[in-house]
Amino acid sequence: MDRPVRPRLASLSDFQFGAVATETIEDALLHLAQQNEQAVREAAGRMGSFRETRIVEFVFLLSEQWCLEKSVSYQAVEILERFMVKQAENICRQATIQLREKTGPQNWRALKEQLFNKFILRLVSCVQLASKLSFHYKIISNVTVLNFLQALGYLHTKEELLESELDVLKSLNFQINLPTPLAYVEMLLEVLGYNGCLVPATQLYATCLNLLDLVYLLHEPVYESLLRASIENSTPSQLQGEKFISVKEDFMLLAVGIIAASAFIQNHECWSQVCTTEQDQHGQNSFNRKHSPLS
């Protein structure tokens, strides 16, 4: 079986926080905050429904087997999430129309069956697309993907693999360079590195990666617990759940929580310092040059 040549993965010692110019940090923070605000506004009722533990674990293990960076794993999960939501919305829309009009064949059933049968292929395509977005010379070849699928009992051709990638790209209007919580974590750690922290940012970073993996793997249980705690009720209503969707899609808030929890694990004394800094950065995502987060 064709196996990928193991690339040199970035180690924690490769990361240096607090070395970027303040103007660059401010611009990057502003851009990420704007992206986050847009994502929260556009959060739909079914967002997050495909970040299931088994799916995320599959993506993580596959990325590890193919020697991909952590950022690729998160990117692949987000691409798959948005693609599946688009497909589910399309099926629901067609089903609603056809059931209401009661005319013609019910094509939505065929679409649902097709989506189910090609799910693994689509998942692998999302990982492959995410690998092409990373800043590394090594991407996953079609031969590697086809051999992997064959080992699982799925027989596909190179043409079908290319068509699958194209289907994902078209469904998302070629907008696959999606922000991930890791980007927000790294940017906020850059701010901490610039401002100074009792715990080195590189040390916090290692713990942040572990916690972020855990949140992705236990996405629904974590946010369900957070919802119940926020409303002080063990049985939230459907309306409360729908309103909470914006919290699930708030990657800036997630990054703040990940860093704060990492600081608490590493050093209780620095926890309040980190929380104060992170609260300033989140601040309802009000980032602008007039109120610089580094001033």
C-alpha atoms as a PDB file:
ATOM      1  CA  MET A   1       0.000   0.000   0.000  1.00  0.00           C
ATOM      2  CA  ASP A   2       1.256   3.463  -0.864  1.00  0.00           C
ATOM      3  CA  ARG A   3       2.106   5.191   2.385  1.00  0.00           C
ATOM      4  CA  PRO A   4       2.802   8.903   2.716  1.00  0.00           C
ATOM      5  CA  VAL A   5       6.336   9.953   3.452  1.00  0.00           C
ATOM      6  CA  ARG A   6       6.321  11.263   6.984  1.00  0.00           C
ATOM      7  CA  PRO A   7       6.894  15.025   6.791  1.00  0.00           C
ATOM      8  CA  ARG A   8       8.595  17.002   9.489  1.00  0.00           C
ATOM      9  CA  LEU A   9       5.736  18.014  11.776  1.00  0.00           C
ATOM     10  CA  ALA A  10       6.029  21.241  13.701  1.00  0.00           C
ATOM     11  CA  SER A  11       7.031  20.642  17.313  1.00  0.00           C
ATOM     12  CA  LEU A  12       6.126  22.855  20.247  1.00  0.00           C
ATOM     13  CA  SER A  13       9.655  24.238  20.252  1.00  0.00           C
ATOM     14  CA  ASP A  14       8.999  25.653  16.776  1.00  0.00           C
ATOM     15  CA  PHE A  15       6.345  28.013  18.135  1.00  0.00           C
ATOM     16  CA  GLN A  16       7.358  31.448  19.389  1.00  0.00           C
ATOM     17  CA  PHE A  17       4.700  33.687  20.862  1.00  0.00           C
ATOM     18  CA  GLY A  18       5.131  37.407  21.357  1.00  0.00           C
ATOM     19  CA  ALA A  19       7.492  37.824  18.412  1.00  0.00           C
ATOM     20  CA  VAL A  20       5.040  39.329  15.913  1.00  0.00           C
ATOM     21  CA  ALA A  21       4.723  43.086  15.409  1.00  0.00           C
ATOM     22  CA  THR A  22       1.815  44.668  17.299  1.00  0.00           C
ATOM     23  CA  GLU A  23       0.294  46.106  14.111  1.00  0.00           C
ATOM     24  CA  THR A  24       0.175  42.623  12.583  1.00  0.00           C
ATOM     25  CA  ILE A  25      -1.466  41.187  15.701  1.00  0.00           C
ATOM     26  CA  GLU A  26      -4.065  43.941  15.730  1.00  0.00           C
ATOM     27  CA  ASP A  27      -4.935  43.402  12.060  1.00  0.00           C
ATOM     28  CA  ALA A  28      -5.146  39.639  12.489  1.00  0.00           C
ATOM     29  CA  LEU A  29      -7.303  39.945  15.609  1.00  0.00           C
ATOM     30  CA  LEU A  30      -9.656  42.322  13.861  1.00  0.00           C
ATOM     31  CA  HIS A  31      -9.987  39.970  10.894  1.00  0.00           C
ATOM     32  CA  LEU A  32     -10.635  36.926  13.101  1.00  0.00           C
ATOM     33  CA  ALA A  33     -13.164  38.852  15.187  1.00  0.00           C
ATOM     34  CA  GLN A  34     -15.068  39.889  12.067  1.00  0.00           C
ATOM     35  CA  GLN A  35     -15.084  36.310  10.807  1.00  0.00           C
ATOM     36  CA  ASN A  36     -16.319  35.112  14.183  1.00  0.00           C
ATOM     37  CA  GLU A  37     -19.125  37.674  14.317  1.00  0.00           C
ATOM     38  CA  GLN A  38     -20.284  36.662  10.848  1.00  0.00           C
ATOM     39  CA  ALA A  39     -20.221  32.955  11.741  1.00  0.00           C
ATOM     40  CA  VAL A  40     -22.261  33.587  14.889  1.00  0.00           C
ATOM     41  CA  ARG A  41     -24.820  35.647  12.954  1.00  0.00           C
ATOM     42  CA  GLU A  42     -25.173  33.007  10.283  1.00  0.00           C
ATOM     43  CA  ALA A  43     -25.455  30.103  12.739  1.00  0.00           C
ATOM     44  CA  ALA A  44     -28.379  27.927  11.640  1.00  0.00           C
ATOM     45  CA  GLY A  45     -30.494  25.491  13.614  1.00  0.00           C
ATOM     46  CA  ARG A  46     -28.612  22.431  12.364  1.00  0.00           C
ATOM     47  CA  MET A  47     -25.107  23.769  12.815  1.00  0.00           C
ATOM     48  CA  GLY A  48     -22.966  21.394  14.859  1.00  0.00           C
ATOM     49  CA  SER A  49     -25.137  18.372  14.197  1.00  0.00           C
ATOM     50  CA  PHE A  50     -22.355  16.551  12.343  1.00  0.00           C
ATOM     51  CA  ARG A  51     -19.578  17.131  14.898  1.00  0.00           C
ATOM     52  CA  GLU A  52     -20.316  13.753  16.418  1.00  0.00           C
ATOM     53  CA  THR A  53     -17.690  11.910  18.430  1.00  0.00           C
ATOM     54  CA  ARG A  54     -17.292   9.012  16.003  1.00  0.00           C
ATOM     55  CA  ILE A  55     -16.950  11.335  13.012  1.00  0.00           C
ATOM     56  CA  VAL A  56     -14.420  13.613  14.706  1.00  0.00           C
ATOM     57  CA  GLU A  57     -12.441  10.637  16.002  1.00  0.00           C
ATOM     58  CA  PHE A  58     -12.340   9.155  12.503  1.00  0.00           C
ATOM     59  CA  VAL A  59     -10.988  12.426  11.079  1.00  0.00           C
ATOM     60  CA  PHE A  60      -8.403  12.779  13.868  1.00  0.00           C
ATOM     61  CA  LEU A  61      -7.145   9.202  13.512  1.00  0.00           C
ATOM     62  CA  LEU A  62      -7.022   9.454   9.722  1.00  0.00           C
ATOM     63  CA  SER A  63      -5.083  12.726   9.904  1.00  0.00           C
ATOM     64  CA  GLU A  64      -2.657  11.132  12.346  1.00  0.00           C
ATOM     65  CA  GLN A  65      -2.196   8.099  10.102  1.00  0.00           C
ATOM     66  CA  TRP A  66      -1.456  10.391   7.180  1.00  0.00           C
ATOM     67  CA  CYS A  67       0.963  12.480   9.284  1.00  0.00           C
ATOM     68  CA  LEU A  68      -0.985  15.723   8.943  1.00  0.00           C
ATOM     69  CA  GLU A  69      -0.739  18.764  11.203  1.00  0.00           C
ATOM     70  CA  LYS A  70      -3.334  19.350  13.906  1.00  0.00           C
ATOM     71  CA  SER A  71      -4.693  22.358  12.044  1.00  0.00           C
ATOM     72  CA  VAL A  72      -5.630  20.077   9.140  1.00  0.00           C
ATOM     73  CA  SER A  73      -7.726  17.884  11.436  1.00  0.00           C
ATOM     74  CA  TYR A  74      -9.807  20.810  12.670  1.00  0.00           C
ATOM     75  CA  GLN A  75     -10.102  22.250   9.174  1.00  0.00           C
ATOM     76  CA  ALA A  76     -11.338  18.922   7.808  1.00  0.00           C
ATOM     77  CA  VAL A  77     -13.987  18.651  10.540  1.00  0.00           C
ATOM     78  CA  GLU A  78     -15.251  22.163   9.777  1.00  0.00           C
ATOM     79  CA  ILE A  79     -15.336  21.555   6.011  1.00  0.00           C
ATOM     80  CA  LEU A  80     -17.237  18.303   6.522  1.00  0.00           C
ATOM     81  CA  GLU A  81     -19.620  19.956   8.999  1.00  0.00           C
ATOM     82  CA  ARG A  82     -20.584  22.729   6.603  1.00  0.00           C
ATOM     83  CA  PHE A  83     -20.818  20.404   3.617  1.00  0.00           C
ATOM     84  CA  MET A  84     -23.118  17.978   5.434  1.00  0.00           C
ATOM     85  CA  VAL A  85     -25.294  20.819   6.717  1.00  0.00           C
ATOM     86  CA  LYS A  86     -25.685  22.088   3.147  1.00  0.00           C
ATOM     87  CA  GLN A  87     -26.628  18.617   1.936  1.00  0.00           C
ATOM     88  CA  ALA A  88     -29.094  18.076   4.791  1.00  0.00           C
ATOM     89  CA  GLU A  89     -30.715  21.440   4.116  1.00  0.00           C
ATOM     90  CA  ASN A  90     -31.082  20.579   0.436  1.00  0.00           C
ATOM     91  CA  ILE A  91     -32.700  17.226   1.216  1.00  0.00           C
ATOM     92  CA  CYS A  92     -35.096  18.787   3.729  1.00  0.00           C
ATOM     93  CA  ARG A  93     -36.022  21.525   1.274  1.00  0.00           C
ATOM     94  CA  GLN A  94     -36.819  19.045  -1.502  1.00  0.00           C
ATOM     95  CA  ALA A  95     -38.696  16.753   0.876  1.00  0.00           C
ATOM     96  CA  THR A  96     -40.853  19.636   2.095  1.00  0.00           C
ATOM     97  CA  ILE A  97     -41.768  20.677  -1.456  1.00  0.00           C
ATOM     98  CA  GLN A  98     -42.457  17.161  -2.728  1.00  0.00           C
ATOM     99  CA  LEU A  99     -44.483  16.095   0.310  1.00  0.00           C
ATOM    100  CA  ARG A 100     -46.554  19.264   0.128  1.00  0.00           C
ATOM    101  CA  GLU A 101     -47.277  19.033  -3.589  1.00  0.00           C
ATOM    102  CA  LYS A 102     -47.548  15.212  -3.641  1.00  0.00           C
ATOM    103  CA  THR A 103     -46.547  15.143  -7.282  1.00  0.00           C
ATOM    104  CA  GLY A 104     -43.713  13.420  -9.098  1.00  0.00           C
ATOM    105  CA  PRO A 105     -41.113  10.998  -7.684  1.00  0.00           C
ATOM    106  CA  GLN A 106     -39.738  11.713  -4.229  1.00  0.00           C
ATOM    107  CA  ASN A 107     -36.157  12.481  -5.249  1.00  0.00           C
ATOM    108  CA  TRP A 108     -35.188  13.498  -1.748  1.00  0.00           C
ATOM    109  CA  ARG A 109     -35.175   9.853  -0.664  1.00  0.00           C
ATOM    110  CA  ALA A 110     -32.648   9.029  -3.384  1.00  0.00           C
ATOM    111  CA  LEU A 111     -30.512  12.008  -2.334  1.00  0.00           C
ATOM    112  CA  LYS A 112     -30.585  10.850   1.272  1.00  0.00           C
ATOM    113  CA  GLU A 113     -29.529   7.336   0.288  1.00  0.00           C
ATOM    114  CA  GLN A 114     -26.755   8.691  -1.922  1.00  0.00           C
ATOM    115  CA  LEU A 115     -25.474  10.936   0.855  1.00  0.00           C
ATOM    116  CA  PHE A 116     -25.410   7.988   3.234  1.00  0.00           C
ATOM    117  CA  ASN A 117     -23.615   5.672   0.789  1.00  0.00           C
ATOM    118  CA  LYS A 118     -20.939   8.238  -0.078  1.00  0.00           C
ATOM    119  CA  PHE A 119     -20.352   9.619   3.409  1.00  0.00           C
ATOM    120  CA  ILE A 120     -16.930   7.992   3.905  1.00  0.00           C
ATOM    121  CA  LEU A 121     -15.829   9.171   0.469  1.00  0.00           C
ATOM    122  CA  ARG A 122     -16.954  12.725   1.276  1.00  0.00           C
ATOM    123  CA  LEU A 123     -15.216  12.613   4.657  1.00  0.00           C
ATOM    124  CA  VAL A 124     -11.932  11.531   3.094  1.00  0.00           C
ATOM    125  CA  SER A 125     -12.313  14.223   0.422  1.00  0.00           C
ATOM    126  CA  CYS A 126     -12.676  16.845   3.158  1.00  0.00           C
ATOM    127  CA  VAL A 127      -9.453  15.634   4.800  1.00  0.00           C
ATOM    128  CA  GLN A 128      -7.685  15.701   1.460  1.00  0.00           C
ATOM    129  CA  LEU A 129      -8.923  19.224   0.708  1.00  0.00           C
ATOM    130  CA  ALA A 130      -7.853  20.397   4.158  1.00  0.00           C
ATOM    131  CA  SER A 131      -4.389  18.957   3.562  1.00  0.00           C
ATOM    132  CA  LYS A 132      -4.111  21.051   0.398  1.00  0.00           C
ATOM    133  CA  LEU A 133      -4.805  24.210   2.398  1.00  0.00           C
ATOM    134  CA  SER A 134      -1.958  23.643   4.852  1.00  0.00           C
ATOM    135  CA  PHE A 135       1.334  25.412   4.344  1.00  0.00           C
ATOM    136  CA  HIS A 136       3.335  22.257   3.732  1.00  0.00           C
ATOM    137  CA  TYR A 137       4.783  20.659   0.655  1.00  0.00           C
ATOM    138  CA  LYS A 138       3.144  17.317   1.428  1.00  0.00           C
ATOM    139  CA  ILE A 139      -0.468  16.721   0.447  1.00  0.00           C
ATOM    140  CA  ILE A 140      -2.342  13.452   0.381  1.00  0.00           C
ATOM    141  CA  SER A 141      -2.151  11.859  -3.058  1.00  0.00           C
ATOM    142  CA  ASN A 142      -5.096  10.260  -4.809  1.00  0.00           C
ATOM    143  CA  VAL A 143      -3.313   6.907  -4.735  1.00  0.00           C
ATOM    144  CA  THR A 144      -3.006   7.052  -0.949  1.00  0.00           C
ATOM    145  CA  VAL A 145      -6.694   7.917  -0.608  1.00  0.00           C
ATOM    146  CA  LEU A 146      -7.845   5.194  -2.996  1.00  0.00           C
ATOM    147  CA  ASN A 147      -5.731   2.572  -1.228  1.00  0.00           C
ATOM    148  CA  PHE A 148      -7.152   3.635   2.117  1.00  0.00           C
ATOM    149  CA  LEU A 149     -10.728   3.431   0.842  1.00  0.00           C
ATOM    150  CA  GLN A 150     -10.036   0.048  -0.738  1.00  0.00           C
ATOM    151  CA  ALA A 151      -8.738  -1.256   2.593  1.00  0.00           C
ATOM    152  CA  LEU A 152     -12.105  -0.294   4.092  1.00  0.00           C
ATOM    153  CA  GLY A 153     -13.984  -2.079   1.325  1.00  0.00           C
ATOM    154  CA  TYR A 154     -14.886   1.012  -0.734  1.00  0.00           C
ATOM    155  CA  LEU A 155     -13.882   0.741  -4.381  1.00  0.00           C
ATOM    156  CA  HIS A 156     -13.612   4.066  -6.195  1.00  0.00           C
ATOM    157  CA  THR A 157     -11.773   5.403  -9.212  1.00  0.00           C
ATOM    158  CA  LYS A 158      -9.592   8.502  -9.430  1.00  0.00           C
ATOM    159  CA  GLU A 159     -12.356  10.169 -11.417  1.00  0.00           C
ATOM    160  CA  GLU A 160     -14.866   9.520  -8.628  1.00  0.00           C
ATOM    161  CA  LEU A 161     -12.404  10.882  -6.093  1.00  0.00           C
ATOM    162  CA  LEU A 162     -11.954  14.079  -8.083  1.00  0.00           C
ATOM    163  CA  GLU A 163     -15.715  14.385  -8.537  1.00  0.00           C
ATOM    164  CA  SER A 164     -16.177  14.028  -4.799  1.00  0.00           C
ATOM    165  CA  GLU A 165     -13.739  16.868  -4.091  1.00  0.00           C
ATOM    166  CA  LEU A 166     -15.484  18.992  -6.706  1.00  0.00           C
ATOM    167  CA  ASP A 167     -18.885  18.271  -5.147  1.00  0.00           C
ATOM    168  CA  VAL A 168     -17.627  19.498  -1.789  1.00  0.00           C
ATOM    169  CA  LEU A 169     -16.088  22.607  -3.339  1.00  0.00           C
ATOM    170  CA  LYS A 170     -19.205  23.488  -5.339  1.00  0.00           C
ATOM    171  CA  SER A 171     -21.501  22.900  -2.388  1.00  0.00           C
ATOM    172  CA  LEU A 172     -19.483  25.382  -0.319  1.00  0.00           C
ATOM    173  CA  ASN A 173     -18.990  27.805  -3.219  1.00  0.00           C
ATOM    174  CA  PHE A 174     -15.265  27.024  -3.062  1.00  0.00           C
ATOM    175  CA  GLN A 175     -15.130  28.701   0.376  1.00  0.00           C
ATOM    176  CA  ILE A 176     -13.243  25.986   2.244  1.00  0.00           C
ATOM    177  CA  ASN A 177     -10.505  28.017   3.931  1.00  0.00           C
ATOM    178  CA  LEU A 178     -12.625  28.113   7.062  1.00  0.00           C
ATOM    179  CA  PRO A 179     -11.462  29.498  10.406  1.00  0.00           C
ATOM    180  CA  THR A 180     -11.004  26.973  13.196  1.00  0.00           C
ATOM    181  CA  PRO A 181     -10.813  27.422  16.978  1.00  0.00           C
ATOM    182  CA  LEU A 182      -7.089  26.678  16.769  1.00  0.00           C
ATOM    183  CA  ALA A 183      -6.499  29.903  14.825  1.00  0.00           C
ATOM    184  CA  TYR A 184      -8.177  31.875  17.620  1.00  0.00           C
ATOM    185  CA  VAL A 185      -6.224  30.016  20.305  1.00  0.00           C
ATOM    186  CA  GLU A 186      -2.915  30.736  18.598  1.00  0.00           C
ATOM    187  CA  MET A 187      -3.745  34.398  18.052  1.00  0.00           C
ATOM    188  CA  LEU A 188      -4.832  34.962  21.658  1.00  0.00           C
ATOM    189  CA  LEU A 189      -1.700  33.176  22.881  1.00  0.00           C
ATOM    190  CA  GLU A 190       0.267  35.591  20.724  1.00  0.00           C
ATOM    191  CA  VAL A 191      -1.369  38.443  22.635  1.00  0.00           C
ATOM    192  CA  LEU A 192      -0.545  36.744  25.926  1.00  0.00           C
ATOM    193  CA  GLY A 193       3.033  36.223  24.784  1.00  0.00           C
ATOM    194  CA  TYR A 194       3.294  39.897  23.948  1.00  0.00           C
ATOM    195  CA  ASN A 195       1.753  41.071  27.221  1.00  0.00           C
ATOM    196  CA  GLY A 196       3.647  38.555  29.322  1.00  0.00           C
ATOM    197  CA  CYS A 197       2.272  35.671  31.357  1.00  0.00           C
ATOM    198  CA  LEU A 198       3.410  33.654  34.372  1.00  0.00           C
ATOM    199  CA  VAL A 199       3.106  30.502  32.305  1.00  0.00           C
ATOM    200  CA  PRO A 200       5.015  30.580  28.971  1.00  0.00           C
ATOM    201  CA  ALA A 201       2.658  30.656  25.995  1.00  0.00           C
ATOM    202  CA  THR A 202       4.382  27.628  24.459  1.00  0.00           C
ATOM    203  CA  GLN A 203       3.651  25.666  27.629  1.00  0.00           C
ATOM    204  CA  LEU A 204       0.010  26.740  27.548  1.00  0.00           C
ATOM    205  CA  TYR A 205      -0.165  25.814  23.880  1.00  0.00           C
ATOM    206  CA  ALA A 206       0.516  22.126  24.526  1.00  0.00           C
ATOM    207  CA  THR A 207      -2.327  21.939  27.032  1.00  0.00           C
ATOM    208  CA  CYS A 208      -4.608  23.955  24.740  1.00  0.00           C
ATOM    209  CA  LEU A 209      -4.186  21.383  21.965  1.00  0.00           C
ATOM    210  CA  ASN A 210      -5.179  18.542  24.280  1.00  0.00           C
ATOM    211  CA  LEU A 211      -8.218  20.415  25.590  1.00  0.00           C
ATOM    212  CA  LEU A 212      -9.301  21.460  22.101  1.00  0.00           C
ATOM    213  CA  ASP A 213      -9.128  17.841  20.965  1.00  0.00           C
ATOM    214  CA  LEU A 214     -11.277  16.880  23.951  1.00  0.00           C
ATOM    215  CA  VAL A 215     -13.892  19.546  23.202  1.00  0.00           C
ATOM    216  CA  TYR A 216     -14.100  18.427  19.572  1.00  0.00           C
ATOM    217  CA  LEU A 217     -14.456  14.777  20.561  1.00  0.00           C
ATOM    218  CA  LEU A 218     -17.087  15.559  23.197  1.00  0.00           C
ATOM    219  CA  HIS A 219     -18.671  18.502  21.415  1.00  0.00           C
ATOM    220  CA  GLU A 220     -22.333  17.791  22.139  1.00  0.00           C
ATOM    221  CA  PRO A 221     -21.926  16.653  25.779  1.00  0.00           C
ATOM    222  CA  VAL A 222     -19.716  19.659  26.579  1.00  0.00           C
ATOM    223  CA  TYR A 223     -22.124  22.213  25.118  1.00  0.00           C
ATOM    224  CA  GLU A 224     -25.199  20.467  26.490  1.00  0.00           C
ATOM    225  CA  SER A 225     -23.658  20.672  29.952  1.00  0.00           C
ATOM    226  CA  LEU A 226     -22.796  24.335  29.373  1.00  0.00           C
ATOM    227  CA  LEU A 227     -26.354  25.073  28.249  1.00  0.00           C
ATOM    228  CA  ARG A 228     -27.872  23.445  31.325  1.00  0.00           C
ATOM    229  CA  ALA A 229     -25.472  25.319  33.581  1.00  0.00           C
ATOM    230  CA  SER A 230     -26.169  28.673  31.908  1.00  0.00           C
ATOM    231  CA  ILE A 231     -29.948  28.406  32.274  1.00  0.00           C
ATOM    232  CA  GLU A 232     -29.755  26.569  35.620  1.00  0.00           C
ATOM    233  CA  ASN A 233     -32.140  23.940  34.318  1.00  0.00           C
ATOM    234  CA  SER A 234     -31.457  20.292  33.511  1.00  0.00           C
ATOM    235  CA  THR A 235     -34.133  20.184  30.801  1.00  0.00           C
ATOM    236  CA  PRO A 236     -33.686  23.117  28.389  1.00  0.00           C
ATOM    237  CA  SER A 237     -36.519  23.882  25.991  1.00  0.00           C
ATOM    238  CA  GLN A 238     -36.200  23.658  22.216  1.00  0.00           C
ATOM    239  CA  LEU A 239     -36.189  27.451  21.976  1.00  0.00           C
ATOM    240  CA  GLN A 240     -33.354  27.713  24.494  1.00  0.00           C
ATOM    241  CA  GLY A 241     -31.408  25.119  22.540  1.00  0.00           C
ATOM    242  CA  GLU A 242     -31.891  27.020  19.292  1.00  0.00           C
ATOM    243  CA  LYS A 243     -30.754  30.281  20.857  1.00  0.00           C
ATOM    244  CA  PHE A 244     -27.687  28.524  22.240  1.00  0.00           C
ATOM    245  CA  ILE A 245     -26.514  27.649  18.720  1.00  0.00           C
ATOM    246  CA  SER A 246     -24.693  30.987  18.522  1.00  0.00           C
ATOM    247  CA  VAL A 247     -22.601  29.968  21.540  1.00  0.00           C
ATOM    248  CA  LYS A 248     -21.636  26.697  19.846  1.00  0.00           C
ATOM    249  CA  GLU A 249     -20.419  28.578  16.786  1.00  0.00           C
ATOM    250  CA  ASP A 250     -18.495  31.239  18.742  1.00  0.00           C
ATOM    251  CA  PHE A 251     -14.896  30.143  18.189  1.00  0.00           C
ATOM    252  CA  MET A 252     -13.490  33.210  19.927  1.00  0.00           C
ATOM    253  CA  LEU A 253     -15.400  32.302  23.083  1.00  0.00           C
ATOM    254  CA  LEU A 254     -14.213  28.700  22.797  1.00  0.00           C
ATOM    255  CA  ALA A 255     -10.592  29.821  22.419  1.00  0.00           C
ATOM    256  CA  VAL A 256     -10.896  32.019  25.506  1.00  0.00           C
ATOM    257  CA  GLY A 257     -12.292  29.108  27.507  1.00  0.00           C
ATOM    258  CA  ILE A 258      -9.609  26.716  26.249  1.00  0.00           C
ATOM    259  CA  ILE A 259      -6.780  29.074  27.206  1.00  0.00           C
ATOM    260  CA  ALA A 260      -8.303  29.899  30.592  1.00  0.00           C
ATOM    261  CA  ALA A 261      -8.743  26.211  31.400  1.00  0.00           C
ATOM    262  CA  SER A 262      -5.181  25.483  30.268  1.00  0.00           C
ATOM    263  CA  ALA A 263      -3.864  28.241  32.507  1.00  0.00           C
ATOM    264  CA  PHE A 264      -5.808  26.844  35.452  1.00  0.00           C
ATOM    265  CA  ILE A 265      -4.296  23.399  34.835  1.00  0.00           C
ATOM    266  CA  GLN A 266      -0.771  24.745  34.444  1.00  0.00           C
ATOM    267  CA  ASN A 267      -0.702  27.343  37.202  1.00  0.00           C
ATOM    268  CA  HIS A 268      -3.575  28.426  39.434  1.00  0.00           C
ATOM    269  CA  GLU A 269      -1.837  31.704  40.259  1.00  0.00           C
ATOM    270  CA  CYS A 270      -1.750  32.902  36.652  1.00  0.00           C
ATOM    271  CA  TRP A 271      -5.335  31.906  35.970  1.00  0.00           C
ATOM    272  CA  SER A 272      -6.829  35.283  36.954  1.00  0.00           C
ATOM    273  CA  GLN A 273      -4.221  37.104  34.872  1.00  0.00           C
ATOM    274  CA  VAL A 274      -5.039  35.031  31.802  1.00  0.00           C
ATOM    275  CA  CYS A 275      -8.799  35.351  32.333  1.00  0.00           C
ATOM    276  CA  THR A 276      -8.555  39.140  32.599  1.00  0.00           C
ATOM    277  CA  THR A 277      -6.561  39.353  29.369  1.00  0.00           C
ATOM    278  CA  GLU A 278      -8.840  36.949  27.514  1.00  0.00           C
ATOM    279  CA  GLN A 279     -11.990  38.736  28.650  1.00  0.00           C
ATOM    280  CA  ASP A 280     -10.540  41.961  27.294  1.00  0.00           C
ATOM    281  CA  GLN A 281      -9.874  40.282  23.947  1.00  0.00           C
ATOM    282  CA  HIS A 282     -13.319  38.702  23.662  1.00  0.00           C
ATOM    283  CA  GLY A 283     -15.294  41.727  24.918  1.00  0.00           C
ATOM    284  CA  GLN A 284     -18.233  40.947  22.662  1.00  0.00           C
ATOM    285  CA  ASN A 285     -15.750  40.738  19.769  1.00  0.00           C
ATOM    286  CA  SER A 286     -15.300  44.533  19.750  1.00  0.00           C
ATOM    287  CA  PHE A 287     -11.880  44.715  18.154  1.00  0.00           C
ATOM    288  CA  ASN A 288     -10.793  47.867  16.394  1.00  0.00           C
ATOM    289  CA  ARG A 289      -7.737  50.012  16.054  1.00  0.00           C
ATOM    290  CA  LYS A 290      -9.115  52.746  18.283  1.00  0.00           C
ATOM    291  CA  HIS A 291      -9.327  50.305  21.197  1.00  0.00           C
ATOM    292  CA  SER A 292      -6.278  48.157  20.583  1.00  0.00           C
ATOM    293  CA  PRO A 293      -6.156  44.874  22.547  1.00  0.00           C
ATOM    294  CA  LEU A 294      -2.422  45.382  22.967  1.00  0.00           C
ATOM    295  CA  SER A 295      -2.588  48.851  24.493  1.00  0.00           C
END
